[in-house]
Amino acid sequence: MTRKNSFLVLLVAVLVAGLVVPYVLAEEDREDRELRDNRERERRVHRPPPSRIDAERMERMVDLVERMRNIGFEPSIAAMIALGGVKDEVRRKPTVIIGDLEARLKETKTLGLRNAIRLTLKDLYKIQAEDEKVLEHLRAMLKENDAAIQKELAKEKD
């Protein structure tokens, strides 16, 4: 092959390469874009549905919020939780808790709360093996609740 032919072959190869390579690269880039676009479309269209675990978690959260609302806006429920907290939330000696609850009992007028306080005191006195105090609170509960029932019955008669 002559020099002239070699030069022509080289020139044609360069021209072909100059035309073909950008076309091939552009074609690969277009295919890559199409693949990315297709994946994005599939991802948007085929979003996985929320799992059962997610639904259960959301249901528990709604239940918790509902319970918190009930506690916050229902004084009797809030008072019962506070009573449990007075007894259980802070480490204190039973005698200190008893003193605190006996003081609350003297201040409390609501029968339901008085009953709850007396039942808590009954349990604490039982732990302390103070059977007379247990009986004292149970008898007081019977007397107070009977009086409340009698009052309701009298209202119904009128």
Foldseek 3Di string as FASTA:
>chain_A
DDPVVVVVVVVVVVVCCVPVVVVVVVVVVVVVVVVVVVVVVCCVVCPDDDDPVVVVVVVVVVVVVVVVVCLVPPVVNVLLVVLVCLVPVDDDDLVVSLVVLVVVLVVDDDLVSNLSSLVVNLVSCVVVVNVVSNVVSVVVNVVVVVVVVVVVVVVVVD
